[in-house]
C-alpha atoms as a PDB file:
ATOM      1  CA  ASP A   1      17.546  34.559  -7.758  1.00  0.00           C
ATOM      2  CA  GLN A   2      19.434  33.155  -4.791  1.00  0.00           C
ATOM      3  CA  PRO A   3      19.914  29.375  -4.661  1.00  0.00           C
ATOM      4  CA  ARG A   4      17.587  27.884  -2.098  1.00  0.00           C
ATOM      5  CA  SER A   5      18.975  26.137   0.929  1.00  0.00           C
ATOM      6  CA  ARG A   6      18.597  22.408   0.692  1.00  0.00           C
ATOM      7  CA  GLY A   7      19.097  21.714   4.394  1.00  0.00           C
ATOM      8  CA  LEU A   8      21.767  19.736   6.209  1.00  0.00           C
ATOM      9  CA  GLY A   9      20.594  16.380   4.882  1.00  0.00           C
ATOM     10  CA  ASP A  10      21.586  17.413   1.375  1.00  0.00           C
ATOM     11  CA  VAL A  11      24.913  18.766   2.613  1.00  0.00           C
ATOM     12  CA  TYR A  12      25.770  15.341   4.052  1.00  0.00           C
ATOM     13  CA  LYS A  13      24.609  13.599   0.866  1.00  0.00           C
ATOM     14  CA  ARG A  14      26.981  15.728  -1.216  1.00  0.00           C
ATOM     15  CA  GLN A  15      29.849  15.428   1.256  1.00  0.00           C
ATOM     16  CA  THR A  16      32.840  13.363   0.114  1.00  0.00           C
ATOM     17  CA  LEU A  17      33.824  10.801   2.718  1.00  0.00           C
ATOM     18  CA  ASP A  18      37.294  11.008   4.225  1.00  0.00           C
ATOM     19  CA  PRO A  19      38.267   7.397   5.011  1.00  0.00           C
ATOM     20  CA  THR A  20      40.935   8.511   7.506  1.00  0.00           C
ATOM     21  CA  LEU A  21      38.144   9.815   9.771  1.00  0.00           C
ATOM     22  CA  LEU A  22      36.860   6.253  10.197  1.00  0.00           C
ATOM     23  CA  ILE A  23      40.031   4.998  11.901  1.00  0.00           C
ATOM     24  CA  GLY A  24      39.736   4.511  15.662  1.00  0.00           C
ATOM     25  CA  LYS A  25      37.147   3.349  18.164  1.00  0.00           C
ATOM     26  CA  TRP A  26      33.514   4.419  17.868  1.00  0.00           C
ATOM     27  CA  GLU A  27      30.983   3.871  20.661  1.00  0.00           C
ATOM     28  CA  LEU A  28      27.244   3.652  20.157  1.00  0.00           C
ATOM     29  CA  THR A  29      25.318   6.660  21.462  1.00  0.00           C
ATOM     30  CA  GLY A  30      21.929   5.704  20.044  1.00  0.00           C
ATOM     31  CA  ALA A  31      20.148   3.256  17.790  1.00  0.00           C
ATOM     32  CA  THR A  32      16.755   2.840  16.183  1.00  0.00           C
ATOM     33  CA  VAL A  33      15.066  -0.218  14.730  1.00  0.00           C
ATOM     34  CA  ASN A  34      12.348   0.663  12.234  1.00  0.00           C
ATOM     35  CA  LYS A  35      12.540   4.286  13.534  1.00  0.00           C
ATOM     36  CA  ILE A  36      11.889   3.212  17.150  1.00  0.00           C
ATOM     37  CA  PRO A  37      14.660   3.885  19.721  1.00  0.00           C
ATOM     38  CA  SER A  38      16.220   0.587  20.739  1.00  0.00           C
ATOM     39  CA  PRO A  39      18.349  -0.186  23.815  1.00  0.00           C
ATOM     40  CA  ARG A  40      19.176  -3.585  22.262  1.00  0.00           C
ATOM     41  CA  LEU A  41      22.506  -2.332  20.901  1.00  0.00           C
ATOM     42  CA  ASP A  42      23.593  -0.439  24.056  1.00  0.00           C
ATOM     43  CA  GLY A  43      27.303  -0.927  24.671  1.00  0.00           C
ATOM     44  CA  ALA A  44      28.037  -1.646  21.012  1.00  0.00           C
ATOM     45  CA  TYR A  45      31.228  -0.378  19.428  1.00  0.00           C
ATOM     46  CA  PHE A  46      33.293  -0.522  16.252  1.00  0.00           C
ATOM     47  CA  GLU A  47      37.061  -0.273  16.160  1.00  0.00           C
ATOM     48  CA  PHE A  48      38.534   0.359  12.718  1.00  0.00           C
ATOM     49  CA  ALA A  49      42.272  -0.043  12.064  1.00  0.00           C
ATOM     50  CA  ASP A  50      43.962   1.523   9.064  1.00  0.00           C
ATOM     51  CA  ASN A  51      45.021  -1.941   7.841  1.00  0.00           C
ATOM     52  CA  GLY A  52      41.408  -2.951   7.149  1.00  0.00           C
ATOM     53  CA  ILE A  53      40.921  -4.854  10.422  1.00  0.00           C
ATOM     54  CA  LEU A  54      37.664  -4.375  12.316  1.00  0.00           C
ATOM     55  CA  LYS A  55      36.701  -5.300  15.872  1.00  0.00           C
ATOM     56  CA  THR A  56      33.041  -4.972  16.846  1.00  0.00           C
ATOM     57  CA  ASN A  57      30.338  -6.367  19.109  1.00  0.00           C
ATOM     58  CA  ILE A  58      27.421  -5.002  17.066  1.00  0.00           C
ATOM     59  CA  LEU A  59      25.954  -8.504  16.716  1.00  0.00           C
ATOM     60  CA  GLY A  60      26.169  -9.228  20.458  1.00  0.00           C
ATOM     61  CA  SER A  61      29.557 -10.895  20.908  1.00  0.00           C
ATOM     62  CA  GLU A  62      32.984  -9.483  20.138  1.00  0.00           C
ATOM     63  CA  GLU A  63      34.190 -10.348  16.663  1.00  0.00           C
ATOM     64  CA  GLU A  64      37.226  -9.493  14.608  1.00  0.00           C
ATOM     65  CA  GLY A  65      37.372  -9.421  10.843  1.00  0.00           C
ATOM     66  CA  SER A  66      37.886  -7.010   8.013  1.00  0.00           C
ATOM     67  CA  TYR A  67      36.072  -4.092   6.459  1.00  0.00           C
ATOM     68  CA  GLU A  68      35.960  -2.307   3.138  1.00  0.00           C
ATOM     69  CA  MET A  69      34.768   1.218   2.477  1.00  0.00           C
ATOM     70  CA  SER A  70      33.387   2.512  -0.813  1.00  0.00           C
ATOM     71  CA  ILE A  71      33.779   6.290  -0.859  1.00  0.00           C
ATOM     72  CA  GLU A  72      31.726   6.723  -4.044  1.00  0.00           C
ATOM     73  CA  GLU A  73      28.794   4.607  -2.850  1.00  0.00           C
ATOM     74  CA  LYS A  74      29.135   5.721   0.807  1.00  0.00           C
ATOM     75  CA  LYS A  75      29.054   2.097   1.914  1.00  0.00           C
ATOM     76  CA  LEU A  76      30.950   0.162   4.534  1.00  0.00           C
ATOM     77  CA  THR A  77      31.099  -3.633   4.357  1.00  0.00           C
ATOM     78  CA  GLN A  78      31.792  -5.563   7.563  1.00  0.00           C
ATOM     79  CA  LYS A  79      33.238  -9.034   7.084  1.00  0.00           C
ATOM     80  CA  THR A  80      33.227 -10.787  10.449  1.00  0.00           C
ATOM     81  CA  GLY A  81      31.699 -14.227  10.167  1.00  0.00           C
ATOM     82  CA  LYS A  82      28.602 -12.498   8.817  1.00  0.00           C
ATOM     83  CA  THR A  83      28.845  -9.874   6.071  1.00  0.00           C
ATOM     84  CA  ILE A  84      26.890  -6.690   6.767  1.00  0.00           C
ATOM     85  CA  GLU A  85      26.630  -3.728   4.439  1.00  0.00           C
ATOM     86  CA  TYR A  86      26.109  -0.314   6.020  1.00  0.00           C
ATOM     87  CA  ASN A  87      25.131   2.926   4.314  1.00  0.00           C
ATOM     88  CA  ILE A  88      27.153   5.799   5.738  1.00  0.00           C
ATOM     89  CA  GLN A  89      24.862   8.771   6.309  1.00  0.00           C
ATOM     90  CA  LYS A  90      27.405  10.964   8.081  1.00  0.00           C
ATOM     91  CA  LEU A  91      31.116  10.704   8.851  1.00  0.00           C
ATOM     92  CA  VAL A  92      32.874  13.632  10.478  1.00  0.00           C
ATOM     93  CA  LYS A  93      35.723  13.840  12.995  1.00  0.00           C
ATOM     94  CA  ASP A  94      33.695  12.719  16.022  1.00  0.00           C
ATOM     95  CA  SER A  95      30.355  11.516  14.649  1.00  0.00           C
ATOM     96  CA  LEU A  96      29.364   8.513  12.529  1.00  0.00           C
ATOM     97  CA  ILE A  97      25.812   7.637  11.466  1.00  0.00           C
ATOM     98  CA  MET A  98      25.142   4.433   9.523  1.00  0.00           C
ATOM     99  CA  ASN A  99      22.094   2.411   8.589  1.00  0.00           C
ATOM    100  CA  MET A 100      21.646  -1.194   7.565  1.00  0.00           C
ATOM    101  CA  ASP A 101      18.914  -3.719   6.897  1.00  0.00           C
ATOM    102  CA  ILE A 102      19.036  -6.971   8.868  1.00  0.00           C
ATOM    103  CA  ALA A 103      16.240  -9.544   8.844  1.00  0.00           C
ATOM    104  CA  SER A 104      13.881  -7.052   7.148  1.00  0.00           C
ATOM    105  CA  LYS A 105      14.421  -4.502   9.914  1.00  0.00           C
ATOM    106  CA  LYS A 106      15.972  -1.093   9.275  1.00  0.00           C
ATOM    107  CA  PHE A 107      18.654  -0.197  11.832  1.00  0.00           C
ATOM    108  CA  VAL A 108      20.212   3.243  12.275  1.00  0.00           C
ATOM    109  CA  VAL A 109      23.239   3.530  14.551  1.00  0.00           C
ATOM    110  CA  LEU A 110      24.739   6.755  15.902  1.00  0.00           C
ATOM    111  CA  LEU A 111      28.321   6.534  17.080  1.00  0.00           C
ATOM    112  CA  GLN A 112      30.878   8.890  18.586  1.00  0.00           C
ATOM    113  CA  LYS A 113      34.572   8.683  19.295  1.00  0.00           C
ATOM    114  CA  PRO A 114      35.145   8.550  23.076  1.00  0.00           C
END
């Protein structure tokens, strides 16, 4: 009666987020819109400071604002002119995967620290 493996997806779901891993600059390495690879976000980045300040160009032009992270809900809220709520799928030392819904489209962004 060995416990069955649940796969990596379940491991990430159970993983507790370490907010200190978020700090720093993250560059987009891939993105999908409704599960279709999209070059639209090429060149996008997020830069998180430990004082809650965020710089990003995810919406096309560079913006600065603030962010909040909910460890329990695995959510990140961007507050730069427009408020965007991201679901954090994975956050490890050098890899960040988030998804969000904008204008009834489902975006998934894959980011790495340079």
